[in-house]
Amino acid sequence: MFKKLEKDLNNRLIDFVIWWSYMNDYRTHVFEKFKKTWHEAYAHILVQWESFKQWYRD
């Protein structure tokens, strides 16, 4: 059971490293990309919230 879990974990780590290396990232900008995505999503939610409040008033 532990060998299967270890094999799955290793495969996921290898896939993660290969995927980011194909994107020419090499794990240097991973967190900046996640942070940028989070900020864009948060800004979108704020805009939608303001439009909902405006719609609700009308």
N, C-alpha and C. Protein backbone atom coordinates (compact mmCIF):
# COMPACT_ATOMS: atom_id res chain seq x y z
N MET A 1 0.83 -1.19 0.00
CA MET A 1 0.00 0.00 0.00
C MET A 1 0.88 1.26 0.00
N PHE A 2 1.90 1.28 0.84
CA PHE A 2 2.77 2.45 0.89
C PHE A 2 3.56 2.61 -0.40
N LYS A 3 3.95 1.49 -1.02
CA LYS A 3 4.71 1.57 -2.28
C LYS A 3 3.85 2.20 -3.37
N LYS A 4 2.56 1.83 -3.41
CA LYS A 4 1.66 2.41 -4.41
C LYS A 4 1.50 3.91 -4.18
N LEU A 5 1.32 4.31 -2.92
CA LEU A 5 1.19 5.73 -2.59
C LEU A 5 2.46 6.49 -2.95
N GLU A 6 3.61 5.92 -2.64
CA GLU A 6 4.87 6.56 -2.96
C GLU A 6 5.06 6.69 -4.47
N LYS A 7 4.68 5.66 -5.21
CA LYS A 7 4.79 5.70 -6.67
C LYS A 7 3.88 6.78 -7.26
N ASP A 8 2.65 6.86 -6.76
CA ASP A 8 1.72 7.89 -7.24
C ASP A 8 2.24 9.29 -6.93
N LEU A 9 2.77 9.47 -5.72
CA LEU A 9 3.31 10.77 -5.35
C LEU A 9 4.50 11.15 -6.23
N ASN A 10 5.38 10.22 -6.46
CA ASN A 10 6.54 10.49 -7.32
C ASN A 10 6.10 10.83 -8.74
N ASN A 11 5.12 10.12 -9.26
CA ASN A 11 4.63 10.42 -10.60
C ASN A 11 4.02 11.81 -10.68
N ARG A 12 3.29 12.20 -9.66
CA ARG A 12 2.70 13.54 -9.65
C ARG A 12 3.78 14.61 -9.58
N LEU A 13 4.80 14.40 -8.75
CA LEU A 13 5.89 15.37 -8.67
C LEU A 13 6.64 15.49 -9.99
N ILE A 14 6.90 14.35 -10.62
CA ILE A 14 7.59 14.37 -11.92
C ILE A 14 6.74 15.10 -12.95
N ASP A 15 5.44 14.82 -12.98
CA ASP A 15 4.56 15.51 -13.92
C ASP A 15 4.55 17.01 -13.66
N PHE A 16 4.55 17.42 -12.40
CA PHE A 16 4.55 18.83 -12.05
C PHE A 16 5.83 19.51 -12.55
N VAL A 17 6.97 18.88 -12.30
CA VAL A 17 8.26 19.46 -12.71
C VAL A 17 8.35 19.53 -14.23
N ILE A 18 7.94 18.46 -14.90
CA ILE A 18 8.00 18.45 -16.37
C ILE A 18 7.05 19.50 -16.95
N TRP A 19 5.84 19.61 -16.38
CA TRP A 19 4.87 20.56 -16.91
C TRP A 19 5.40 21.98 -16.80
N TRP A 20 5.96 22.36 -15.65
CA TRP A 20 6.47 23.72 -15.49
C TRP A 20 7.73 23.94 -16.33
N SER A 21 8.54 22.89 -16.51
CA SER A 21 9.74 23.08 -17.33
C SER A 21 9.37 23.25 -18.79
N TYR A 22 8.30 22.61 -19.24
CA TYR A 22 7.85 22.83 -20.62
C TYR A 22 7.38 24.26 -20.81
N MET A 23 6.90 24.87 -19.75
CA MET A 23 6.46 26.26 -19.84
C MET A 23 7.63 27.21 -19.62
N ASN A 24 8.85 26.69 -19.60
CA ASN A 24 10.07 27.48 -19.38
C ASN A 24 10.02 28.23 -18.06
N ASP A 25 9.48 27.61 -17.05
CA ASP A 25 9.33 28.29 -15.77
C ASP A 25 10.35 27.80 -14.75
N TYR A 26 10.58 26.50 -14.69
CA TYR A 26 11.54 25.91 -13.76
C TYR A 26 11.27 26.30 -12.31
N ARG A 27 10.02 26.38 -11.94
CA ARG A 27 9.57 26.63 -10.57
C ARG A 27 10.01 27.98 -10.01
N THR A 28 10.37 28.93 -10.83
CA THR A 28 10.81 30.22 -10.32
C THR A 28 9.65 31.21 -10.22
N HIS A 29 8.67 31.09 -11.09
CA HIS A 29 7.58 32.05 -11.11
C HIS A 29 6.24 31.40 -10.80
N VAL A 30 6.26 30.22 -10.21
CA VAL A 30 5.01 29.51 -9.95
C VAL A 30 4.13 30.31 -9.00
N PHE A 31 4.70 30.77 -7.90
CA PHE A 31 3.90 31.45 -6.90
C PHE A 31 3.45 32.83 -7.39
N GLU A 32 4.29 33.48 -8.21
CA GLU A 32 3.85 34.76 -8.76
C GLU A 32 2.66 34.56 -9.70
N LYS A 33 2.66 33.47 -10.46
CA LYS A 33 1.53 33.20 -11.35
C LYS A 33 0.26 32.91 -10.56
N PHE A 34 0.39 32.12 -9.47
CA PHE A 34 -0.78 31.85 -8.63
C PHE A 34 -1.29 33.15 -7.99
N LYS A 35 -0.36 33.99 -7.53
CA LYS A 35 -0.74 35.25 -6.90
C LYS A 35 -1.43 36.16 -7.91
N LYS A 36 -0.90 36.24 -9.13
CA LYS A 36 -1.50 37.07 -10.17
C LYS A 36 -2.91 36.57 -10.51
N THR A 37 -3.06 35.26 -10.62
CA THR A 37 -4.37 34.68 -10.91
C THR A 37 -5.36 34.99 -9.80
N TRP A 38 -4.91 34.87 -8.54
CA TRP A 38 -5.78 35.17 -7.41
C TRP A 38 -6.20 36.63 -7.42
N HIS A 39 -5.28 37.54 -7.71
CA HIS A 39 -5.61 38.96 -7.74
C HIS A 39 -6.60 39.28 -8.85
N GLU A 40 -6.41 38.66 -10.01
CA GLU A 40 -7.34 38.88 -11.11
C GLU A 40 -8.73 38.36 -10.77
N ALA A 41 -8.78 37.19 -10.13
CA ALA A 41 -10.07 36.62 -9.74
C ALA A 41 -10.75 37.50 -8.69
N TYR A 42 -9.99 37.99 -7.73
CA TYR A 42 -10.55 38.86 -6.69
C TYR A 42 -11.07 40.16 -7.29
N ALA A 43 -10.32 40.75 -8.22
CA ALA A 43 -10.77 41.98 -8.87
C ALA A 43 -12.06 41.73 -9.65
N HIS A 44 -12.14 40.60 -10.31
CA HIS A 44 -13.35 40.25 -11.06
C HIS A 44 -14.55 40.10 -10.12
N ILE A 45 -14.34 39.46 -8.98
CA ILE A 45 -15.42 39.27 -8.01
C ILE A 45 -15.88 40.62 -7.47
N LEU A 46 -14.94 41.54 -7.21
CA LEU A 46 -15.33 42.86 -6.72
C LEU A 46 -16.17 43.62 -7.75
N VAL A 47 -15.78 43.54 -9.02
CA VAL A 47 -16.55 44.21 -10.08
C VAL A 47 -17.95 43.61 -10.16
N GLN A 48 -18.04 42.29 -10.11
CA GLN A 48 -19.34 41.64 -10.17
C GLN A 48 -20.20 42.00 -8.96
N TRP A 49 -19.59 42.11 -7.79
CA TRP A 49 -20.32 42.48 -6.58
C TRP A 49 -20.89 43.89 -6.70
N GLU A 50 -20.08 44.81 -7.21
CA GLU A 50 -20.55 46.19 -7.40
C GLU A 50 -21.69 46.24 -8.42
N SER A 51 -21.57 45.48 -9.50
CA SER A 51 -22.66 45.48 -10.49
C SER A 51 -23.91 44.83 -9.91
N PHE A 52 -23.75 43.84 -9.05
CA PHE A 52 -24.92 43.22 -8.41
C PHE A 52 -25.60 44.21 -7.47
N LYS A 53 -24.80 44.97 -6.70
CA LYS A 53 -25.39 45.96 -5.80
C LYS A 53 -26.14 47.02 -6.59
N GLN A 54 -25.58 47.45 -7.71
CA GLN A 54 -26.24 48.44 -8.57
C GLN A 54 -27.53 47.86 -9.14
N TRP A 55 -27.49 46.61 -9.59
CA TRP A 55 -28.69 45.97 -10.14
C TRP A 55 -29.75 45.81 -9.06
N TYR A 56 -29.33 45.46 -7.85
CA TYR A 56 -30.29 45.24 -6.76
C TYR A 56 -30.98 46.54 -6.36
N ARG A 57 -30.26 47.68 -6.42
CA ARG A 57 -30.86 48.98 -6.10
C ARG A 57 -31.93 49.37 -7.13
N ASP A 58 -31.66 49.01 -8.37
CA ASP A 58 -32.62 49.38 -9.43
C ASP A 58 -33.73 48.38 -9.44
